[in-house]
N, C-alpha and C. Protein backbone atom coordinates (compact mmCIF):
# COMPACT_ATOMS: atom_id res chain seq x y z
N MET A 1 -15.88 -6.53 -10.13
CA MET A 1 -15.51 -7.32 -8.96
C MET A 1 -16.34 -6.85 -7.78
N ALA A 2 -16.90 -7.78 -7.06
CA ALA A 2 -17.72 -7.43 -5.90
C ALA A 2 -16.86 -6.78 -4.83
N GLU A 3 -17.44 -5.85 -4.10
CA GLU A 3 -16.71 -5.09 -3.07
C GLU A 3 -16.07 -6.01 -2.04
N GLU A 4 -16.78 -7.07 -1.60
CA GLU A 4 -16.24 -7.95 -0.57
C GLU A 4 -15.14 -8.86 -1.10
N ASN A 5 -14.98 -8.98 -2.40
CA ASN A 5 -13.95 -9.83 -2.98
C ASN A 5 -12.67 -9.07 -3.33
N ARG A 6 -12.64 -7.79 -3.12
CA ARG A 6 -11.45 -7.02 -3.48
C ARG A 6 -10.30 -7.34 -2.53
N LEU A 7 -9.09 -7.33 -3.08
CA LEU A 7 -7.91 -7.53 -2.26
C LEU A 7 -7.43 -6.18 -1.77
N LEU A 8 -7.17 -6.08 -0.50
CA LEU A 8 -6.71 -4.83 0.08
C LEU A 8 -5.19 -4.83 0.11
N LYS A 9 -4.59 -3.77 -0.43
CA LYS A 9 -3.14 -3.63 -0.42
C LYS A 9 -2.69 -3.34 1.00
N ASN A 10 -1.70 -4.09 1.45
CA ASN A 10 -1.19 -3.95 2.82
C ASN A 10 0.03 -3.05 2.81
N VAL A 11 -0.10 -1.87 3.42
CA VAL A 11 0.99 -0.90 3.53
C VAL A 11 1.16 -0.55 5.00
N VAL A 12 2.42 -0.53 5.45
CA VAL A 12 2.73 -0.21 6.85
C VAL A 12 3.69 0.98 6.85
N ILE A 13 3.31 2.05 7.56
CA ILE A 13 4.15 3.24 7.69
C ILE A 13 4.35 3.50 9.18
N LEU A 14 5.60 3.49 9.61
CA LEU A 14 5.94 3.73 11.01
C LEU A 14 6.79 4.99 11.09
N GLU A 15 6.35 5.96 11.90
CA GLU A 15 7.05 7.23 12.06
C GLU A 15 7.60 7.34 13.48
N ASN A 16 8.93 7.35 13.58
CA ASN A 16 9.62 7.55 14.86
C ASN A 16 9.15 6.61 15.96
N ARG A 17 8.70 5.43 15.59
CA ARG A 17 8.20 4.42 16.53
C ARG A 17 7.04 4.93 17.39
N GLU A 18 6.40 6.03 16.98
CA GLU A 18 5.31 6.61 17.76
C GLU A 18 3.99 6.70 17.00
N LYS A 19 4.03 6.67 15.68
CA LYS A 19 2.81 6.74 14.88
C LYS A 19 2.87 5.66 13.82
N LEU A 20 1.83 4.86 13.75
CA LEU A 20 1.77 3.75 12.81
C LEU A 20 0.50 3.85 11.99
N SER A 21 0.63 3.70 10.69
CA SER A 21 -0.52 3.63 9.79
C SER A 21 -0.44 2.32 9.03
N VAL A 22 -1.55 1.60 9.00
CA VAL A 22 -1.60 0.32 8.31
C VAL A 22 -2.83 0.31 7.41
N THR A 23 -2.66 -0.12 6.17
CA THR A 23 -3.79 -0.33 5.27
C THR A 23 -3.88 -1.83 4.98
N GLY A 24 -5.02 -2.24 4.49
CA GLY A 24 -5.23 -3.65 4.19
C GLY A 24 -5.72 -4.45 5.38
N VAL A 25 -6.28 -3.78 6.37
CA VAL A 25 -6.78 -4.44 7.58
C VAL A 25 -8.23 -4.87 7.35
N LEU A 26 -8.50 -6.14 7.57
CA LEU A 26 -9.86 -6.66 7.44
C LEU A 26 -10.65 -6.54 8.73
N ASP A 27 -9.96 -6.72 9.86
CA ASP A 27 -10.64 -6.70 11.15
C ASP A 27 -9.62 -6.49 12.26
N VAL A 28 -10.07 -5.99 13.39
CA VAL A 28 -9.25 -5.91 14.59
C VAL A 28 -9.76 -7.00 15.52
N LEU A 29 -8.90 -7.99 15.80
CA LEU A 29 -9.30 -9.16 16.58
C LEU A 29 -9.24 -8.91 18.07
N ALA A 30 -8.28 -8.09 18.52
CA ALA A 30 -8.14 -7.78 19.95
C ALA A 30 -7.23 -6.57 20.09
N PHE A 31 -7.41 -5.85 21.20
CA PHE A 31 -6.52 -4.72 21.45
C PHE A 31 -6.53 -4.35 22.92
N ASP A 32 -5.39 -3.86 23.38
CA ASP A 32 -5.25 -3.23 24.68
C ASP A 32 -4.06 -2.28 24.58
N GLU A 33 -3.58 -1.77 25.69
CA GLU A 33 -2.51 -0.78 25.65
C GLU A 33 -1.15 -1.37 25.27
N GLN A 34 -1.01 -2.70 25.31
CA GLN A 34 0.26 -3.34 24.98
C GLN A 34 0.26 -4.07 23.65
N GLN A 35 -0.90 -4.38 23.08
CA GLN A 35 -0.94 -5.16 21.85
C GLN A 35 -2.23 -4.92 21.08
N ILE A 36 -2.10 -4.85 19.76
CA ILE A 36 -3.24 -4.78 18.86
C ILE A 36 -3.06 -5.91 17.86
N ILE A 37 -4.10 -6.71 17.66
CA ILE A 37 -4.04 -7.83 16.74
C ILE A 37 -5.02 -7.57 15.60
N CYS A 38 -4.48 -7.48 14.39
CA CYS A 38 -5.28 -7.18 13.20
C CYS A 38 -5.26 -8.37 12.25
N GLU A 39 -6.38 -8.59 11.59
CA GLU A 39 -6.44 -9.60 10.54
C GLU A 39 -6.28 -8.90 9.20
N CYS A 40 -5.34 -9.39 8.39
CA CYS A 40 -5.10 -8.87 7.05
C CYS A 40 -5.35 -9.99 6.05
N GLU A 41 -5.31 -9.69 4.75
CA GLU A 41 -5.58 -10.67 3.71
C GLU A 41 -4.75 -11.94 3.86
N LYS A 42 -3.45 -11.78 4.15
CA LYS A 42 -2.56 -12.93 4.14
C LYS A 42 -2.17 -13.41 5.52
N GLY A 43 -2.78 -12.88 6.55
CA GLY A 43 -2.45 -13.35 7.88
C GLY A 43 -2.79 -12.36 8.96
N VAL A 44 -2.22 -12.62 10.13
CA VAL A 44 -2.48 -11.81 11.31
C VAL A 44 -1.28 -10.90 11.53
N PHE A 45 -1.55 -9.66 11.91
CA PHE A 45 -0.54 -8.64 12.11
C PHE A 45 -0.60 -8.20 13.56
N TYR A 46 0.52 -8.39 14.29
CA TYR A 46 0.59 -8.02 15.69
C TYR A 46 1.36 -6.71 15.84
N ILE A 47 0.78 -5.79 16.57
CA ILE A 47 1.42 -4.52 16.91
C ILE A 47 1.62 -4.54 18.41
N LYS A 48 2.87 -4.46 18.85
CA LYS A 48 3.14 -4.49 20.29
C LYS A 48 3.85 -3.21 20.70
N GLY A 49 3.60 -2.80 21.95
CA GLY A 49 4.23 -1.59 22.44
C GLY A 49 3.68 -1.19 23.79
N ASP A 50 3.82 0.09 24.09
CA ASP A 50 3.34 0.66 25.35
C ASP A 50 2.43 1.83 25.06
N ASN A 51 1.38 1.95 25.87
CA ASN A 51 0.40 3.05 25.73
C ASN A 51 -0.16 3.14 24.32
N LEU A 52 -0.47 1.99 23.72
CA LEU A 52 -1.02 1.98 22.36
C LEU A 52 -2.46 2.49 22.37
N HIS A 53 -2.77 3.28 21.36
CA HIS A 53 -4.09 3.88 21.23
C HIS A 53 -4.47 3.89 19.76
N VAL A 54 -5.64 3.35 19.44
CA VAL A 54 -6.15 3.39 18.07
C VAL A 54 -6.74 4.77 17.85
N SER A 55 -6.04 5.60 17.08
CA SER A 55 -6.51 6.96 16.86
C SER A 55 -7.49 7.06 15.70
N ARG A 56 -7.43 6.08 14.77
CA ARG A 56 -8.37 6.07 13.65
C ARG A 56 -8.54 4.64 13.18
N LEU A 57 -9.79 4.25 12.93
CA LEU A 57 -10.09 2.92 12.42
C LEU A 57 -11.21 3.04 11.41
N ASP A 58 -10.95 2.58 10.18
CA ASP A 58 -11.95 2.59 9.12
C ASP A 58 -11.88 1.24 8.43
N LEU A 59 -12.67 0.29 8.89
CA LEU A 59 -12.64 -1.06 8.33
C LEU A 59 -13.25 -1.12 6.94
N ASP A 60 -14.10 -0.16 6.59
CA ASP A 60 -14.63 -0.12 5.22
C ASP A 60 -13.50 0.10 4.22
N LYS A 61 -12.53 0.94 4.59
CA LYS A 61 -11.37 1.20 3.74
C LYS A 61 -10.19 0.30 4.09
N GLY A 62 -10.23 -0.33 5.27
CA GLY A 62 -9.15 -1.20 5.71
C GLY A 62 -7.98 -0.46 6.33
N ASP A 63 -8.26 0.67 6.99
CA ASP A 63 -7.20 1.52 7.55
C ASP A 63 -7.26 1.56 9.07
N ILE A 64 -6.06 1.59 9.67
CA ILE A 64 -5.95 1.79 11.12
C ILE A 64 -4.73 2.67 11.37
N ASP A 65 -4.88 3.61 12.29
CA ASP A 65 -3.77 4.45 12.75
C ASP A 65 -3.62 4.21 14.25
N VAL A 66 -2.35 4.05 14.68
CA VAL A 66 -2.06 3.74 16.08
C VAL A 66 -1.02 4.73 16.59
N ASP A 67 -1.23 5.25 17.80
CA ASP A 67 -0.26 6.10 18.48
C ASP A 67 0.25 5.36 19.71
N GLY A 68 1.45 5.70 20.14
CA GLY A 68 2.07 5.10 21.31
C GLY A 68 3.49 4.69 20.97
N LEU A 69 4.15 4.01 21.89
CA LEU A 69 5.51 3.52 21.64
C LEU A 69 5.41 2.14 21.03
N ILE A 70 5.72 2.03 19.74
CA ILE A 70 5.65 0.75 19.03
C ILE A 70 6.99 0.04 19.20
N THR A 71 6.96 -1.17 19.76
CA THR A 71 8.20 -1.92 20.00
C THR A 71 8.35 -3.13 19.09
N SER A 72 7.25 -3.59 18.48
CA SER A 72 7.33 -4.78 17.65
C SER A 72 6.18 -4.83 16.65
N LEU A 73 6.51 -5.23 15.41
CA LEU A 73 5.52 -5.48 14.37
C LEU A 73 5.79 -6.88 13.85
N VAL A 74 4.79 -7.76 13.91
CA VAL A 74 4.99 -9.15 13.52
C VAL A 74 3.83 -9.62 12.65
N TYR A 75 4.18 -10.28 11.53
CA TYR A 75 3.18 -10.93 10.69
C TYR A 75 3.18 -12.42 10.99
N GLU A 76 2.00 -13.02 10.94
CA GLU A 76 1.87 -14.46 11.06
C GLU A 76 0.97 -14.92 9.92
N ASP A 77 1.45 -15.89 9.15
CA ASP A 77 0.68 -16.39 8.00
C ASP A 77 -0.65 -16.97 8.43
N LYS A 78 -1.64 -16.79 7.59
CA LYS A 78 -2.98 -17.33 7.83
C LYS A 78 -3.04 -18.73 7.21
N THR A 79 -2.33 -19.68 7.82
CA THR A 79 -2.29 -21.03 7.28
C THR A 79 -3.23 -21.97 8.01
N GLY A 80 -3.64 -21.57 9.21
CA GLY A 80 -4.49 -22.46 10.00
C GLY A 80 -3.69 -23.56 10.66
N GLY A 81 -2.39 -23.50 10.52
CA GLY A 81 -1.53 -24.51 11.11
C GLY A 81 -1.47 -24.37 12.61
N ARG A 82 -0.83 -25.31 13.24
CA ARG A 82 -0.77 -25.37 14.69
C ARG A 82 -0.14 -24.13 15.31
N GLY A 83 0.87 -23.56 14.65
CA GLY A 83 1.55 -22.41 15.20
C GLY A 83 0.89 -21.09 14.90
N SER A 84 -0.12 -21.08 14.07
CA SER A 84 -0.76 -19.82 13.70
C SER A 84 -1.72 -19.35 14.78
N PHE A 85 -2.10 -18.09 14.69
CA PHE A 85 -3.07 -17.52 15.63
C PHE A 85 -4.37 -18.31 15.60
N PHE A 86 -4.90 -18.59 14.40
CA PHE A 86 -6.16 -19.30 14.29
C PHE A 86 -6.02 -20.76 14.74
N GLY A 87 -4.86 -21.37 14.49
CA GLY A 87 -4.62 -22.73 14.96
C GLY A 87 -4.64 -22.81 16.47
N ARG A 88 -4.03 -21.83 17.14
CA ARG A 88 -4.02 -21.81 18.60
C ARG A 88 -5.39 -21.45 19.14
N LEU A 89 -6.11 -20.57 18.45
CA LEU A 89 -7.42 -20.14 18.90
C LEU A 89 -8.41 -21.30 18.91
N PHE A 90 -8.37 -22.14 17.87
CA PHE A 90 -9.34 -23.24 17.74
C PHE A 90 -8.77 -24.59 18.11
N LYS A 91 -7.72 -24.61 18.88
CA LYS A 91 -7.05 -25.84 19.31
C LYS A 91 -7.92 -26.60 20.27
């Protein structure tokens, strides 16, 4: 199987709402201290909080580690529909 065709397993580990590790990340679409938006195989993953900091990012392996106060983790399906991130982006 070609390297670019491999499916990345998506695993989310949250420790005390202060340390987050995510695998299966294809790309980081946007980030600031309140929100990080990641693209995963099956959709977009939103990380929301305060004083967010990307402490480690390895897109070759599909890994991201985030420090800060995590207040919300939300998945959005990659359907391209009107309510999706990509639907709103290309509206």
